[in-house]
């Protein structure tokens, strides 16, 4: 399906309009007028791009403003922005892969996948390598909210890992930062387990509505990231976007509350059963029956459907944003409830 205009709550395909419940613009910012005005103002001040190294002799205050906001919002000692969430993940892995063995949870996003990583769980039991008495440094890699899930990852297994292991936790919050937690702070600040270090990586192009990525951790680690050649030889995030992060702090709060209100409303009217997976704190509804996806399209509703890998089955999910109206949600839930009432 090819479109010629940003798909917000309405999408136009072949000159026909549909309700749209897809994408990743959870806070509805790409079409928010006040947000757009801030972006435009900052482009007029900082230009459309700045193709220089962050370590060059000229330093832009836009980056300081954006990174201070992110550190405060996330609850970390320090942050650094980069040009994408993918680069954020790869920089962290580049720093860690030579220092320690890696273990991963579930089917993590490719941004934090690394060759020779071992699964945390084998046949639903904790990997024996995590329980032995060998003294070593290890890295645990995980998404903040796993694919096809609507709740944050359960990290309680960290309490079971041998105390001979020095644990670094890397968590990809691309689909939780801006959404979960107070004002959308994510889950980083709430992680309180016996670990040596925690590191957040995230795209800013989803909830925050700006092309870029962020790494958050303690000040020492962020300093080390800034010394990696891959970082020093690359241009930074668009400085106009970095400045907008700071300037839009109040808009983020307002849009986050609108999103929460939409989710609470859905929870109050949606019939829950095995055909749909929904949690009132998360803006995704996963659908199992293919027939339901077709039924939604018949009712002029388009949802997100894609494959993470060539071999995988299509992942069908409904994405709720802050921009959806009560009438949009009523129509969506009516179709879901009509289908669910058959079972």
C-alpha atoms as a PDB file:
ATOM      1  CA  UNK A   1       0.000   0.000   0.000  1.00  0.00           C
ATOM      2  CA  UNK A   2       1.554   3.244  -1.172  1.00  0.00           C
ATOM      3  CA  UNK A   3       0.616   6.562   0.472  1.00  0.00           C
ATOM      4  CA  UNK A   4       1.484  10.151  -0.445  1.00  0.00           C
ATOM      5  CA  UNK A   5       0.919  11.798   2.945  1.00  0.00           C
ATOM      6  CA  UNK A   6       1.972  10.997   6.498  1.00  0.00           C
ATOM      7  CA  UNK A   7      -0.448   8.372   7.861  1.00  0.00           C
ATOM      8  CA  UNK A   8      -1.817   9.790  11.114  1.00  0.00           C
ATOM      9  CA  UNK A   9      -5.210   8.601  12.387  1.00  0.00           C
ATOM     10  CA  UNK A  10      -6.487   8.766   8.805  1.00  0.00           C
ATOM     11  CA  UNK A  11      -4.678   7.117   5.896  1.00  0.00           C
ATOM     12  CA  UNK A  12      -5.535   7.577   2.214  1.00  0.00           C
ATOM     13  CA  UNK A  13      -4.975   4.686  -0.175  1.00  0.00           C
ATOM     14  CA  UNK A  14      -6.012   4.834  -3.823  1.00  0.00           C
ATOM     15  CA  UNK A  15      -8.046   7.979  -3.075  1.00  0.00           C
ATOM     16  CA  UNK A  16      -9.988   6.190  -0.338  1.00  0.00           C
ATOM     17  CA  UNK A  17      -9.769   7.098   3.338  1.00  0.00           C
ATOM     18  CA  UNK A  18      -9.355   4.554   6.136  1.00  0.00           C
ATOM     19  CA  UNK A  19      -8.933   4.769   9.871  1.00  0.00           C
ATOM     20  CA  UNK A  20      -5.291   3.983  10.577  1.00  0.00           C
ATOM     21  CA  UNK A  21      -4.040   2.072  13.607  1.00  0.00           C
ATOM     22  CA  UNK A  22      -0.434   1.412  12.612  1.00  0.00           C
ATOM     23  CA  UNK A  23       3.012   2.964  12.678  1.00  0.00           C
ATOM     24  CA  UNK A  24       4.940   3.873  15.814  1.00  0.00           C
ATOM     25  CA  UNK A  25       3.976   7.515  16.391  1.00  0.00           C
ATOM     26  CA  UNK A  26       2.573   6.646  19.800  1.00  0.00           C
ATOM     27  CA  UNK A  27       2.354  10.246  21.047  1.00  0.00           C
ATOM     28  CA  UNK A  28       1.020  11.534  17.726  1.00  0.00           C
ATOM     29  CA  UNK A  29       3.803  14.086  17.395  1.00  0.00           C
ATOM     30  CA  UNK A  30       4.701  14.074  13.667  1.00  0.00           C
ATOM     31  CA  UNK A  31       1.432  15.900  12.872  1.00  0.00           C
ATOM     32  CA  UNK A  32       1.100  17.870  16.122  1.00  0.00           C
ATOM     33  CA  UNK A  33       1.010  21.575  15.170  1.00  0.00           C
ATOM     34  CA  UNK A  34       2.760  22.895  18.282  1.00  0.00           C
ATOM     35  CA  UNK A  35       5.450  20.243  17.974  1.00  0.00           C
ATOM     36  CA  UNK A  36       5.931  20.977  14.282  1.00  0.00           C
ATOM     37  CA  UNK A  37       6.276  24.685  15.074  1.00  0.00           C
ATOM     38  CA  UNK A  38       9.095  23.928  17.515  1.00  0.00           C
ATOM     39  CA  UNK A  39      10.863  21.767  14.948  1.00  0.00           C
ATOM     40  CA  UNK A  40      10.581  24.475  12.306  1.00  0.00           C
ATOM     41  CA  UNK A  41      11.856  27.167  14.697  1.00  0.00           C
ATOM     42  CA  UNK A  42      14.846  25.019  15.583  1.00  0.00           C
ATOM     43  CA  UNK A  43      15.617  24.208  11.936  1.00  0.00           C
ATOM     44  CA  UNK A  44      15.671  27.958  11.251  1.00  0.00           C
ATOM     45  CA  UNK A  45      18.159  28.334  14.129  1.00  0.00           C
ATOM     46  CA  UNK A  46      20.269  25.185  13.725  1.00  0.00           C
ATOM     47  CA  UNK A  47      19.821  24.345  10.034  1.00  0.00           C
ATOM     48  CA  UNK A  48      18.566  21.140   8.427  1.00  0.00           C
ATOM     49  CA  UNK A  49      21.623  19.097   9.415  1.00  0.00           C
ATOM     50  CA  UNK A  50      25.114  19.414  10.884  1.00  0.00           C
ATOM     51  CA  UNK A  51      27.526  16.998   9.295  1.00  0.00           C
ATOM     52  CA  UNK A  52      30.400  17.341  11.734  1.00  0.00           C
ATOM     53  CA  UNK A  53      31.858  15.103  14.428  1.00  0.00           C
ATOM     54  CA  UNK A  54      30.590  15.628  17.954  1.00  0.00           C
ATOM     55  CA  UNK A  55      34.243  15.836  19.034  1.00  0.00           C
ATOM     56  CA  UNK A  56      35.138  18.705  16.692  1.00  0.00           C
ATOM     57  CA  UNK A  57      36.375  22.045  18.057  1.00  0.00           C
ATOM     58  CA  UNK A  58      32.942  23.615  17.506  1.00  0.00           C
ATOM     59  CA  UNK A  59      30.404  22.406  20.088  1.00  0.00           C
ATOM     60  CA  UNK A  60      26.651  23.042  19.746  1.00  0.00           C
ATOM     61  CA  UNK A  61      24.546  23.799  22.828  1.00  0.00           C
ATOM     62  CA  UNK A  62      21.587  22.042  21.195  1.00  0.00           C
ATOM     63  CA  UNK A  63      23.105  18.675  22.088  1.00  0.00           C
ATOM     64  CA  UNK A  64      23.617  19.671  25.724  1.00  0.00           C
ATOM     65  CA  UNK A  65      19.993  20.780  25.993  1.00  0.00           C
ATOM     66  CA  UNK A  66      18.576  17.613  24.458  1.00  0.00           C
ATOM     67  CA  UNK A  67      20.815  15.254  26.405  1.00  0.00           C
ATOM     68  CA  UNK A  68      20.140  16.964  29.729  1.00  0.00           C
ATOM     69  CA  UNK A  69      16.424  16.604  29.096  1.00  0.00           C
ATOM     70  CA  UNK A  70      16.773  12.925  28.243  1.00  0.00           C
ATOM     71  CA  UNK A  71      18.893  12.172  31.321  1.00  0.00           C
ATOM     72  CA  UNK A  72      16.338  13.875  33.551  1.00  0.00           C
ATOM     73  CA  UNK A  73      13.403  12.205  31.799  1.00  0.00           C
ATOM     74  CA  UNK A  74      14.921   8.715  31.831  1.00  0.00           C
ATOM     75  CA  UNK A  75      16.450   9.018  35.298  1.00  0.00           C
ATOM     76  CA  UNK A  76      20.048   8.274  34.314  1.00  0.00           C
ATOM     77  CA  UNK A  77      23.299   9.971  35.235  1.00  0.00           C
ATOM     78  CA  UNK A  78      24.079  10.794  31.634  1.00  0.00           C
ATOM     79  CA  UNK A  79      22.963  10.333  28.036  1.00  0.00           C
ATOM     80  CA  UNK A  80      24.341  10.811  24.554  1.00  0.00           C
ATOM     81  CA  UNK A  81      22.311  11.180  21.358  1.00  0.00           C
ATOM     82  CA  UNK A  82      23.241   9.595  18.029  1.00  0.00           C
ATOM     83  CA  UNK A  83      21.713   9.548  14.566  1.00  0.00           C
ATOM     84  CA  UNK A  84      19.534   6.459  15.071  1.00  0.00           C
ATOM     85  CA  UNK A  85      18.394   3.859  17.565  1.00  0.00           C
ATOM     86  CA  UNK A  86      20.165   1.206  15.515  1.00  0.00           C
ATOM     87  CA  UNK A  87      23.481   3.055  15.853  1.00  0.00           C
ATOM     88  CA  UNK A  88      22.867   3.449  19.593  1.00  0.00           C
ATOM     89  CA  UNK A  89      22.603  -0.315  19.948  1.00  0.00           C
ATOM     90  CA  UNK A  90      25.600  -1.072  17.750  1.00  0.00           C
ATOM     91  CA  UNK A  91      27.825   1.419  19.594  1.00  0.00           C
ATOM     92  CA  UNK A  92      27.010  -0.196  22.932  1.00  0.00           C
ATOM     93  CA  UNK A  93      27.689  -3.675  21.563  1.00  0.00           C
ATOM     94  CA  UNK A  94      30.948  -2.508  20.013  1.00  0.00           C
ATOM     95  CA  UNK A  95      32.051  -1.316  23.444  1.00  0.00           C
ATOM     96  CA  UNK A  96      30.949  -4.411  25.360  1.00  0.00           C
ATOM     97  CA  UNK A  97      31.585  -7.347  23.027  1.00  0.00           C
ATOM     98  CA  UNK A  98      35.341  -7.408  23.617  1.00  0.00           C
ATOM     99  CA  UNK A  99      34.946  -7.238  27.387  1.00  0.00           C
ATOM    100  CA  UNK A 100      32.406  -9.896  28.323  1.00  0.00           C
ATOM    101  CA  UNK A 101      30.174 -12.775  27.221  1.00  0.00           C
ATOM    102  CA  UNK A 102      26.641 -11.891  26.124  1.00  0.00           C
ATOM    103  CA  UNK A 103      23.295 -13.532  26.869  1.00  0.00           C
ATOM    104  CA  UNK A 104      19.955 -12.561  25.314  1.00  0.00           C
ATOM    105  CA  UNK A 105      16.293 -12.788  26.243  1.00  0.00           C
ATOM    106  CA  UNK A 106      13.672 -13.813  23.676  1.00  0.00           C
ATOM    107  CA  UNK A 107      13.857 -12.602  20.068  1.00  0.00           C
ATOM    108  CA  UNK A 108      15.505  -9.258  20.714  1.00  0.00           C
ATOM    109  CA  UNK A 109      15.613  -6.436  18.178  1.00  0.00           C
ATOM    110  CA  UNK A 110      18.468  -6.556  15.689  1.00  0.00           C
ATOM    111  CA  UNK A 111      19.900  -3.329  17.164  1.00  0.00           C
ATOM    112  CA  UNK A 112      21.181  -5.332  20.128  1.00  0.00           C
ATOM    113  CA  UNK A 113      21.748  -8.724  18.522  1.00  0.00           C
ATOM    114  CA  UNK A 114      25.299  -9.986  18.580  1.00  0.00           C
ATOM    115  CA  UNK A 115      26.950 -13.082  17.177  1.00  0.00           C
ATOM    116  CA  UNK A 116      27.615 -15.923  19.628  1.00  0.00           C
ATOM    117  CA  UNK A 117      25.208 -14.549  22.239  1.00  0.00           C
ATOM    118  CA  UNK A 118      23.693 -17.299  24.398  1.00  0.00           C
ATOM    119  CA  UNK A 119      20.042 -17.576  25.481  1.00  0.00           C
ATOM    120  CA  UNK A 120      19.239 -16.638  29.077  1.00  0.00           C
ATOM    121  CA  UNK A 121      16.684 -19.446  29.230  1.00  0.00           C
ATOM    122  CA  UNK A 122      16.981 -22.945  27.779  1.00  0.00           C
ATOM    123  CA  UNK A 123      13.797 -25.040  27.902  1.00  0.00           C
ATOM    124  CA  UNK A 124      12.317 -22.441  30.263  1.00  0.00           C
ATOM    125  CA  UNK A 125      15.181 -22.900  32.729  1.00  0.00           C
ATOM    126  CA  UNK A 126      17.941 -20.421  33.479  1.00  0.00           C
ATOM    127  CA  UNK A 127      21.074 -21.139  31.437  1.00  0.00           C
ATOM    128  CA  UNK A 128      23.472 -23.211  33.559  1.00  0.00           C
ATOM    129  CA  UNK A 129      26.308 -20.857  32.591  1.00  0.00           C
ATOM    130  CA  UNK A 130      24.578 -18.161  34.646  1.00  0.00           C
ATOM    131  CA  UNK A 131      24.400 -20.337  37.740  1.00  0.00           C
ATOM    132  CA  UNK A 132      27.937 -21.680  38.035  1.00  0.00           C
ATOM    133  CA  UNK A 133      30.627 -20.307  40.347  1.00  0.00           C
ATOM    134  CA  UNK A 134      32.904 -19.016  37.597  1.00  0.00           C
ATOM    135  CA  UNK A 135      33.862 -15.412  38.292  1.00  0.00           C
ATOM    136  CA  UNK A 136      33.275 -13.368  35.128  1.00  0.00           C
ATOM    137  CA  UNK A 137      31.718 -10.306  33.551  1.00  0.00           C
ATOM    138  CA  UNK A 138      28.552 -10.875  31.505  1.00  0.00           C
ATOM    139  CA  UNK A 139      26.074  -8.806  29.518  1.00  0.00           C
ATOM    140  CA  UNK A 140      22.313  -9.445  29.430  1.00  0.00           C
ATOM    141  CA  UNK A 141      20.562  -8.110  26.307  1.00  0.00           C
ATOM    142  CA  UNK A 142      16.800  -7.545  26.259  1.00  0.00           C
ATOM    143  CA  UNK A 143      13.985  -5.462  24.832  1.00  0.00           C
ATOM    144  CA  UNK A 144      12.047  -3.331  27.296  1.00  0.00           C
ATOM    145  CA  UNK A 145       8.790  -4.808  26.009  1.00  0.00           C
ATOM    146  CA  UNK A 146       9.317  -8.021  24.007  1.00  0.00           C
ATOM    147  CA  UNK A 147       7.676  -8.524  20.623  1.00  0.00           C
ATOM    148  CA  UNK A 148       4.076  -9.760  20.866  1.00  0.00           C
ATOM    149  CA  UNK A 149       3.938  -8.703  24.515  1.00  0.00           C
ATOM    150  CA  UNK A 150       2.112  -5.803  26.130  1.00  0.00           C
ATOM    151  CA  UNK A 151       3.959  -5.627  29.435  1.00  0.00           C
ATOM    152  CA  UNK A 152       7.565  -4.796  30.364  1.00  0.00           C
ATOM    153  CA  UNK A 153      10.042  -7.650  30.493  1.00  0.00           C
ATOM    154  CA  UNK A 154      10.172  -9.579  33.769  1.00  0.00           C
ATOM    155  CA  UNK A 155      13.729  -9.192  35.046  1.00  0.00           C
ATOM    156  CA  UNK A 156      13.293 -11.020  38.347  1.00  0.00           C
ATOM    157  CA  UNK A 157      15.554 -13.821  37.060  1.00  0.00           C
ATOM    158  CA  UNK A 158      18.486 -11.462  37.679  1.00  0.00           C
ATOM    159  CA  UNK A 159      18.154 -12.311  41.371  1.00  0.00           C
ATOM    160  CA  UNK A 160      18.889 -15.967  40.572  1.00  0.00           C
ATOM    161  CA  UNK A 161      22.133 -15.436  38.667  1.00  0.00           C
ATOM    162  CA  UNK A 162      25.273 -16.451  40.561  1.00  0.00           C
ATOM    163  CA  UNK A 163      26.765 -13.647  42.626  1.00  0.00           C
ATOM    164  CA  UNK A 164      30.088 -14.514  40.996  1.00  0.00           C
ATOM    165  CA  UNK A 165      28.832 -12.819  37.827  1.00  0.00           C
ATOM    166  CA  UNK A 166      29.304  -9.080  37.290  1.00  0.00           C
ATOM    167  CA  UNK A 167      26.198  -8.185  35.283  1.00  0.00           C
ATOM    168  CA  UNK A 168      25.756  -5.414  32.722  1.00  0.00           C
ATOM    169  CA  UNK A 169      22.144  -5.083  31.557  1.00  0.00           C
ATOM    170  CA  UNK A 170      21.454  -3.603  28.112  1.00  0.00           C
ATOM    171  CA  UNK A 171      17.802  -2.809  27.499  1.00  0.00           C
ATOM    172  CA  UNK A 172      16.322  -1.573  24.211  1.00  0.00           C
ATOM    173  CA  UNK A 173      13.504   0.797  25.149  1.00  0.00           C
ATOM    174  CA  UNK A 174      12.482   1.885  21.661  1.00  0.00           C
ATOM    175  CA  UNK A 175       8.924   0.701  22.384  1.00  0.00           C
ATOM    176  CA  UNK A 176       8.709   1.680  26.055  1.00  0.00           C
ATOM    177  CA  UNK A 177      10.485   5.047  26.357  1.00  0.00           C
ATOM    178  CA  UNK A 178       7.871   7.768  26.028  1.00  0.00           C
ATOM    179  CA  UNK A 179       5.087   5.275  26.749  1.00  0.00           C
ATOM    180  CA  UNK A 180       5.549   3.417  30.048  1.00  0.00           C
ATOM    181  CA  UNK A 181       6.291   5.032  33.411  1.00  0.00           C
ATOM    182  CA  UNK A 182       5.606   8.502  34.780  1.00  0.00           C
ATOM    183  CA  UNK A 183       5.231  10.900  31.853  1.00  0.00           C
ATOM    184  CA  UNK A 184       6.636   8.137  29.647  1.00  0.00           C
ATOM    185  CA  UNK A 185       9.999   7.863  31.398  1.00  0.00           C
ATOM    186  CA  UNK A 186      10.336   4.183  30.426  1.00  0.00           C
ATOM    187  CA  UNK A 187      11.468   1.407  32.763  1.00  0.00           C
ATOM    188  CA  UNK A 188      15.189   2.205  33.165  1.00  0.00           C
ATOM    189  CA  UNK A 189      14.853   4.085  36.472  1.00  0.00           C
ATOM    190  CA  UNK A 190      12.679   1.343  38.006  1.00  0.00           C
ATOM    191  CA  UNK A 191      15.232  -1.439  37.426  1.00  0.00           C
ATOM    192  CA  UNK A 192      16.641  -2.307  40.848  1.00  0.00           C
ATOM    193  CA  UNK A 193      18.516  -5.585  40.835  1.00  0.00           C
ATOM    194  CA  UNK A 194      22.012  -6.714  41.932  1.00  0.00           C
ATOM    195  CA  UNK A 195      23.783  -5.646  38.733  1.00  0.00           C
ATOM    196  CA  UNK A 196      26.967  -3.702  38.062  1.00  0.00           C
ATOM    197  CA  UNK A 197      25.649  -1.435  35.327  1.00  0.00           C
ATOM    198  CA  UNK A 198      22.486  -0.789  33.324  1.00  0.00           C
ATOM    199  CA  UNK A 199      22.430   0.725  29.856  1.00  0.00           C
ATOM    200  CA  UNK A 200      19.445   1.979  27.878  1.00  0.00           C
ATOM    201  CA  UNK A 201      19.410   2.250  24.101  1.00  0.00           C
ATOM    202  CA  UNK A 202      16.419   3.603  22.221  1.00  0.00           C
ATOM    203  CA  UNK A 203      15.169   5.105  19.019  1.00  0.00           C
ATOM    204  CA  UNK A 204      13.756   8.624  19.361  1.00  0.00           C
ATOM    205  CA  UNK A 205      11.830   8.283  16.111  1.00  0.00           C
ATOM    206  CA  UNK A 206       8.883   6.517  17.690  1.00  0.00           C
ATOM    207  CA  UNK A 207       7.209   8.063  20.738  1.00  0.00           C
ATOM    208  CA  UNK A 208       9.422  11.179  20.673  1.00  0.00           C
ATOM    209  CA  UNK A 209       8.762  11.904  17.015  1.00  0.00           C
ATOM    210  CA  UNK A 210      12.329  12.827  16.029  1.00  0.00           C
ATOM    211  CA  UNK A 211      14.918  10.988  13.946  1.00  0.00           C
ATOM    212  CA  UNK A 212      17.708   9.933  16.289  1.00  0.00           C
ATOM    213  CA  UNK A 213      18.743   7.584  19.036  1.00  0.00           C
ATOM    214  CA  UNK A 214      19.885   7.747  22.639  1.00  0.00           C
ATOM    215  CA  UNK A 215      22.192   5.833  24.978  1.00  0.00           C
ATOM    216  CA  UNK A 216      21.653   6.322  28.716  1.00  0.00           C
ATOM    217  CA  UNK A 217      23.800   5.024  31.559  1.00  0.00           C
ATOM    218  CA  UNK A 218      26.270   6.187  34.195  1.00  0.00           C
ATOM    219  CA  UNK A 219      28.580   9.073  33.320  1.00  0.00           C
ATOM    220  CA  UNK A 220      31.685   6.892  32.975  1.00  0.00           C
ATOM    221  CA  UNK A 221      30.092   4.617  30.390  1.00  0.00           C
ATOM    222  CA  UNK A 222      28.741   7.508  28.330  1.00  0.00           C
ATOM    223  CA  UNK A 223      32.214   9.051  28.371  1.00  0.00           C
ATOM    224  CA  UNK A 224      33.624   5.774  27.028  1.00  0.00           C
ATOM    225  CA  UNK A 225      31.014   5.693  24.246  1.00  0.00           C
ATOM    226  CA  UNK A 226      32.059   9.189  23.170  1.00  0.00           C
ATOM    227  CA  UNK A 227      35.637   7.937  22.753  1.00  0.00           C
ATOM    228  CA  UNK A 228      34.769   5.105  20.324  1.00  0.00           C
ATOM    229  CA  UNK A 229      35.993   5.789  16.792  1.00  0.00           C
ATOM    230  CA  UNK A 230      32.584   4.916  15.334  1.00  0.00           C
ATOM    231  CA  UNK A 231      31.097   7.729  17.430  1.00  0.00           C
ATOM    232  CA  UNK A 232      33.843  10.303  16.868  1.00  0.00           C
ATOM    233  CA  UNK A 233      33.903   9.748  13.102  1.00  0.00           C
ATOM    234  CA  UNK A 234      30.128  10.014  12.643  1.00  0.00           C
ATOM    235  CA  UNK A 235      27.903  13.072  12.484  1.00  0.00           C
ATOM    236  CA  UNK A 236      25.542  13.498  15.400  1.00  0.00           C
ATOM    237  CA  UNK A 237      21.779  13.640  15.612  1.00  0.00           C
ATOM    238  CA  UNK A 238      20.268  16.619  13.807  1.00  0.00           C
ATOM    239  CA  UNK A 239      20.926  19.484  16.283  1.00  0.00           C
ATOM    240  CA  UNK A 240      17.521  21.048  15.542  1.00  0.00           C
ATOM    241  CA  UNK A 241      15.934  17.783  16.685  1.00  0.00           C
ATOM    242  CA  UNK A 242      18.170  17.575  19.758  1.00  0.00           C
ATOM    243  CA  UNK A 243      17.092  21.075  20.799  1.00  0.00           C
ATOM    244  CA  UNK A 244      13.448  20.180  20.183  1.00  0.00           C
ATOM    245  CA  UNK A 245      13.703  17.328  22.691  1.00  0.00           C
ATOM    246  CA  UNK A 246      14.262  19.895  25.425  1.00  0.00           C
ATOM    247  CA  UNK A 247      11.830  22.490  24.099  1.00  0.00           C
ATOM    248  CA  UNK A 248       8.975  19.982  23.739  1.00  0.00           C
ATOM    249  CA  UNK A 249       9.099  18.632  27.302  1.00  0.00           C
ATOM    250  CA  UNK A 250       5.614  19.927  28.179  1.00  0.00           C
ATOM    251  CA  UNK A 251       4.140  18.709  24.890  1.00  0.00           C
ATOM    252  CA  UNK A 252       5.417  15.212  25.682  1.00  0.00           C
ATOM    253  CA  UNK A 253       3.545  15.265  29.007  1.00  0.00           C
ATOM    254  CA  UNK A 254       0.298  16.430  27.400  1.00  0.00           C
ATOM    255  CA  UNK A 255       0.424  13.867  24.601  1.00  0.00           C
ATOM    256  CA  UNK A 256       1.361  11.071  26.990  1.00  0.00           C
ATOM    257  CA  UNK A 257      -1.728  11.804  29.088  1.00  0.00           C
ATOM    258  CA  UNK A 258      -3.910  11.773  25.960  1.00  0.00           C
ATOM    259  CA  UNK A 259      -2.508   8.371  25.083  1.00  0.00           C
ATOM    260  CA  UNK A 260      -3.223   7.050  28.583  1.00  0.00           C
ATOM    261  CA  UNK A 261      -6.787   8.384  28.409  1.00  0.00           C
ATOM    262  CA  UNK A 262      -7.325   6.536  25.113  1.00  0.00           C
ATOM    263  CA  UNK A 263      -6.016   3.287  26.583  1.00  0.00           C
ATOM    264  CA  UNK A 264      -8.204   3.585  29.683  1.00  0.00           C
ATOM    265  CA  UNK A 265     -11.219   4.187  27.456  1.00  0.00           C
ATOM    266  CA  UNK A 266     -10.478   1.110  25.330  1.00  0.00           C
ATOM    267  CA  UNK A 267     -10.075  -0.969  28.468  1.00  0.00           C
ATOM    268  CA  UNK A 268     -13.532   0.121  29.630  1.00  0.00           C
ATOM    269  CA  UNK A 269     -15.344  -1.061  26.473  1.00  0.00           C
ATOM    270  CA  UNK A 270     -13.264  -3.874  24.954  1.00  0.00           C
ATOM    271  CA  UNK A 271     -14.384  -7.480  25.379  1.00  0.00           C
ATOM    272  CA  UNK A 272     -11.266  -9.441  26.296  1.00  0.00           C
ATOM    273  CA  UNK A 273     -10.643 -12.977  25.105  1.00  0.00           C
ATOM    274  CA  UNK A 274      -7.922 -15.092  23.512  1.00  0.00           C
ATOM    275  CA  UNK A 275      -8.317 -13.429  20.107  1.00  0.00           C
ATOM    276  CA  UNK A 276      -6.809 -10.146  21.254  1.00  0.00           C
ATOM    277  CA  UNK A 277      -3.926  -9.299  23.578  1.00  0.00           C
ATOM    278  CA  UNK A 278      -4.251  -5.903  25.263  1.00  0.00           C
ATOM    279  CA  UNK A 279      -3.082  -4.152  28.427  1.00  0.00           C
ATOM    280  CA  UNK A 280      -4.454  -0.761  29.450  1.00  0.00           C
ATOM    281  CA  UNK A 281      -0.935   0.565  30.036  1.00  0.00           C
ATOM    282  CA  UNK A 282       0.393  -0.208  26.558  1.00  0.00           C
ATOM    283  CA  UNK A 283      -0.727   1.130  23.149  1.00  0.00           C
ATOM    284  CA  UNK A 284      -0.627  -2.121  21.170  1.00  0.00           C
ATOM    285  CA  UNK A 285      -3.370  -4.666  20.618  1.00  0.00           C
ATOM    286  CA  UNK A 286      -2.127  -7.913  19.109  1.00  0.00           C
ATOM    287  CA  UNK A 287      -4.508  -9.946  16.953  1.00  0.00           C
ATOM    288  CA  UNK A 288      -4.374 -13.684  16.420  1.00  0.00           C
ATOM    289  CA  UNK A 289      -7.094 -14.574  13.851  1.00  0.00           C
ATOM    290  CA  UNK A 290      -6.339 -13.593  10.245  1.00  0.00           C
ATOM    291  CA  UNK A 291     -10.083 -13.336   9.733  1.00  0.00           C
ATOM    292  CA  UNK A 292     -10.193 -10.436  12.183  1.00  0.00           C
ATOM    293  CA  UNK A 293      -7.538  -8.542  10.218  1.00  0.00           C
ATOM    294  CA  UNK A 294      -9.630  -8.958   7.058  1.00  0.00           C
ATOM    295  CA  UNK A 295     -12.786  -7.914   8.901  1.00  0.00           C
ATOM    296  CA  UNK A 296     -11.127  -4.689  10.044  1.00  0.00           C
ATOM    297  CA  UNK A 297     -10.137  -3.844   6.472  1.00  0.00           C
ATOM    298  CA  UNK A 298     -13.703  -4.479   5.319  1.00  0.00           C
ATOM    299  CA  UNK A 299     -14.725  -1.862   7.893  1.00  0.00           C
ATOM    300  CA  UNK A 300     -12.180   0.589   6.421  1.00  0.00           C
ATOM    301  CA  UNK A 301      -9.652   0.121   9.227  1.00  0.00           C
ATOM    302  CA  UNK A 302      -5.977  -0.453   8.399  1.00  0.00           C
ATOM    303  CA  UNK A 303      -3.617  -1.880  11.032  1.00  0.00           C
ATOM    304  CA  UNK A 304       0.101  -2.689  11.136  1.00  0.00           C
ATOM    305  CA  UNK A 305       1.108  -5.993   9.549  1.00  0.00           C
ATOM    306  CA  UNK A 306       4.729  -6.938   8.862  1.00  0.00           C
ATOM    307  CA  UNK A 307       7.348  -9.666   9.143  1.00  0.00           C
ATOM    308  CA  UNK A 308      10.402  -9.283  11.370  1.00  0.00           C
ATOM    309  CA  UNK A 309      12.172 -11.946   9.301  1.00  0.00           C
ATOM    310  CA  UNK A 310      11.535 -13.558   5.902  1.00  0.00           C
ATOM    311  CA  UNK A 311      10.491 -16.828   7.505  1.00  0.00           C
ATOM    312  CA  UNK A 312       8.210 -15.395  10.187  1.00  0.00           C
ATOM    313  CA  UNK A 313       4.447 -15.167  10.089  1.00  0.00           C
ATOM    314  CA  UNK A 314       3.093 -11.616   9.706  1.00  0.00           C
ATOM    315  CA  UNK A 315       2.835  -9.766  13.004  1.00  0.00           C
ATOM    316  CA  UNK A 316      -0.604  -8.142  13.164  1.00  0.00           C
ATOM    317  CA  UNK A 317      -1.030  -5.379  15.685  1.00  0.00           C
ATOM    318  CA  UNK A 318      -3.256  -2.398  16.326  1.00  0.00           C
ATOM    319  CA  UNK A 319      -1.379   0.745  17.351  1.00  0.00           C
ATOM    320  CA  UNK A 320      -3.201   3.303  19.486  1.00  0.00           C
ATOM    321  CA  UNK A 321      -1.891   6.868  19.452  1.00  0.00           C
ATOM    322  CA  UNK A 322      -2.617  10.049  21.348  1.00  0.00           C
ATOM    323  CA  UNK A 323      -4.322  11.427  18.226  1.00  0.00           C
ATOM    324  CA  UNK A 324      -7.098   8.846  17.953  1.00  0.00           C
ATOM    325  CA  UNK A 325     -10.507  10.240  18.814  1.00  0.00           C
ATOM    326  CA  UNK A 326     -13.201   8.623  20.925  1.00  0.00           C
ATOM    327  CA  UNK A 327     -15.165   8.014  17.722  1.00  0.00           C
ATOM    328  CA  UNK A 328     -12.159   6.228  16.178  1.00  0.00           C
ATOM    329  CA  UNK A 329     -11.854   3.996  19.214  1.00  0.00           C
ATOM    330  CA  UNK A 330     -15.596   3.284  19.298  1.00  0.00           C
ATOM    331  CA  UNK A 331     -15.518   2.048  15.702  1.00  0.00           C
ATOM    332  CA  UNK A 332     -12.409  -0.055  16.269  1.00  0.00           C
ATOM    333  CA  UNK A 333     -13.704  -1.695  19.436  1.00  0.00           C
ATOM    334  CA  UNK A 334     -17.142  -2.319  17.900  1.00  0.00           C
ATOM    335  CA  UNK A 335     -15.514  -4.451  15.197  1.00  0.00           C
ATOM    336  CA  UNK A 336     -13.354  -6.285  17.754  1.00  0.00           C
ATOM    337  CA  UNK A 337     -16.278  -6.899  20.089  1.00  0.00           C
ATOM    338  CA  UNK A 338     -18.553  -8.107  17.284  1.00  0.00           C
ATOM    339  CA  UNK A 339     -15.919 -10.627  16.282  1.00  0.00           C
ATOM    340  CA  UNK A 340     -15.181 -11.690  19.855  1.00  0.00           C
ATOM    341  CA  UNK A 341     -18.867 -12.202  20.632  1.00  0.00           C
ATOM    342  CA  UNK A 342     -18.845 -15.183  18.269  1.00  0.00           C
ATOM    343  CA  UNK A 343     -16.630 -17.141  20.663  1.00  0.00           C
END
